[in-house]
Amino acid sequence: MVVGMKSLNFKKKYRESIERGEKIATLRMGIKNFREDEMVRVVAGGKEIGRARIVKVRNLKWNEISNEDAMLEGMKDKGELEKELKNIYGKFDNDEVFTQIVFTMMGDKDDRGKKV
């Protein structure tokens, strides 16, 4: 494990969709400190499943989030995404700011190309 490397933590139920490449983004409430090209650990259900490179980071209000953004999350539409986010964060309004983190899994190698 690389000391100081940030993690993206997910519920266990998202592990397979992340591994299949269906879920390639996550929305986090508030402004989060992630940068494009940053390497992160990906953890699902408390178990590290690999490393990912951050491809894109955007701060969006809820009313700016589209069905396409929901599909990056592995959801069928924004309504399904809203239900899931309210389950995690509770109520929020259209002006709530989220950080969208788009990532690509790096397989079984770390950021220096060494097998993990």
Protein backbone atom coordinates (compact mmCIF):
# COMPACT_ATOMS: atom_id res chain seq x y z
CA MET A 1 0.00 0.00 0.00
CA VAL A 2 1.26 3.46 -0.89
CA VAL A 3 1.32 5.74 2.14
CA GLY A 4 -0.77 8.86 1.68
CA MET A 5 -2.64 7.53 -1.36
CA LYS A 6 -6.29 8.58 -1.29
CA SER A 7 -9.08 6.05 -1.54
CA LEU A 8 -12.43 5.99 -3.28
CA ASN A 9 -14.67 3.95 -1.00
CA PHE A 10 -17.80 2.23 -2.29
CA LYS A 11 -20.48 -0.03 -0.88
CA LYS A 12 -19.85 -3.72 -1.49
CA LYS A 13 -22.80 -3.89 -3.92
CA TYR A 14 -20.85 -1.73 -6.42
CA ARG A 15 -17.81 -3.97 -6.60
CA GLU A 16 -18.89 -6.01 -9.62
CA SER A 17 -20.12 -3.01 -11.63
CA ILE A 18 -16.79 -1.26 -11.00
CA GLU A 19 -14.82 -4.37 -11.99
CA ARG A 20 -16.94 -4.77 -15.17
CA GLY A 21 -16.35 -1.11 -16.07
CA GLU A 22 -20.04 -0.21 -15.83
CA LYS A 23 -19.48 2.22 -12.95
CA ILE A 24 -16.70 4.64 -13.91
CA ALA A 25 -17.76 7.68 -11.88
CA THR A 26 -18.88 8.63 -8.42
CA LEU A 27 -20.66 11.67 -7.01
CA ARG A 28 -19.62 12.85 -3.57
CA MET A 29 -21.54 15.52 -1.70
CA GLY A 30 -19.57 18.73 -1.27
CA ILE A 31 -16.27 19.85 -2.78
CA LYS A 32 -13.74 17.02 -2.60
CA ASN A 33 -9.98 17.26 -3.00
CA PHE A 34 -9.23 14.98 -5.96
CA ARG A 35 -7.14 15.93 -9.01
CA GLU A 36 -7.09 14.70 -12.59
CA ASP A 37 -4.33 12.10 -13.18
CA GLU A 38 -4.18 11.32 -9.44
CA MET A 39 -3.82 7.63 -8.54
CA VAL A 40 -6.23 6.32 -5.88
CA ARG A 41 -7.02 3.04 -4.15
CA VAL A 42 -10.49 1.67 -4.94
CA VAL A 43 -12.18 0.01 -1.97
CA ALA A 44 -15.56 -1.77 -2.09
CA GLY A 45 -17.12 -3.19 1.04
CA GLY A 46 -13.93 -2.57 2.99
CA LYS A 47 -11.76 -4.60 0.57
CA GLU A 48 -9.27 -2.99 -1.82
CA ILE A 49 -10.14 -4.08 -5.37
CA GLY A 50 -7.45 -2.16 -7.24
CA ARG A 51 -6.07 1.18 -8.24
CA ALA A 52 -7.60 3.80 -10.48
CA ARG A 53 -6.50 6.96 -12.22
CA ILE A 54 -8.76 9.99 -11.89
CA VAL A 55 -9.75 11.04 -15.41
CA LYS A 56 -11.97 14.03 -14.68
CA VAL A 57 -13.15 16.02 -11.66
CA ARG A 58 -16.11 18.44 -11.83
CA ASN A 59 -18.09 20.34 -9.21
CA LEU A 60 -21.78 20.36 -10.12
CA LYS A 61 -25.01 21.44 -8.52
CA TRP A 62 -27.63 18.68 -8.40
CA ASN A 63 -29.74 20.46 -11.03
CA GLU A 64 -26.75 20.38 -13.45
CA ILE A 65 -26.41 16.59 -13.27
CA SER A 66 -27.74 14.74 -16.32
CA ASN A 67 -28.97 11.24 -17.16
CA GLU A 68 -25.58 10.74 -18.89
CA ASP A 69 -23.84 11.52 -15.58
CA ALA A 70 -26.08 8.94 -13.88
CA MET A 71 -25.13 6.33 -16.51
CA LEU A 72 -21.41 6.87 -15.71
CA GLU A 73 -22.41 5.82 -12.19
CA GLY A 74 -23.88 2.58 -13.54
CA MET A 75 -27.45 3.85 -12.98
CA LYS A 76 -30.22 3.82 -15.60
CA ASP A 77 -31.17 7.48 -15.10
CA LYS A 78 -30.95 10.51 -12.80
CA GLY A 79 -34.02 9.36 -10.82
CA GLU A 80 -32.32 6.11 -9.82
CA LEU A 81 -29.15 8.05 -8.93
CA GLU A 82 -31.13 10.52 -6.81
CA LYS A 83 -32.75 7.68 -4.86
CA GLU A 84 -29.34 6.10 -4.15
CA LEU A 85 -27.71 9.41 -3.14
CA LYS A 86 -30.60 10.26 -0.79
CA ASN A 87 -30.16 6.81 0.76
CA ILE A 88 -26.50 7.70 1.44
CA TYR A 89 -26.68 11.42 2.26
CA GLY A 90 -30.28 12.09 3.22
CA LYS A 91 -32.27 14.97 1.75
CA PHE A 92 -30.64 17.57 -0.51
CA ASP A 93 -31.93 20.26 -2.87
CA ASN A 94 -31.19 21.35 -6.45
CA ASP A 95 -28.44 23.74 -5.29
CA GLU A 96 -26.49 21.06 -3.40
CA VAL A 97 -22.95 20.82 -4.77
CA PHE A 98 -21.44 17.45 -5.62
CA THR A 99 -17.98 16.49 -6.83
CA GLN A 100 -18.10 14.15 -9.82
CA ILE A 101 -15.04 11.92 -9.97
CA VAL A 102 -14.58 9.96 -13.22
CA PHE A 103 -11.97 7.21 -12.98
CA THR A 104 -10.42 4.37 -14.91
CA MET A 105 -9.32 1.17 -13.21
CA MET A 106 -5.65 0.30 -13.70
CA GLY A 107 -5.88 -3.48 -13.47
CA ASP A 108 -3.57 -5.32 -11.11
CA LYS A 109 -0.59 -2.95 -11.32
CA ASP A 110 0.19 0.04 -9.14
CA ASP A 111 1.04 3.52 -10.40
CA ARG A 112 4.68 2.50 -11.01
CA GLY A 113 3.73 -0.53 -13.14
CA LYS A 114 4.55 -3.04 -10.39
CA LYS A 115 2.19 -5.96 -9.76
CA VAL A 116 0.13 -5.50 -6.58
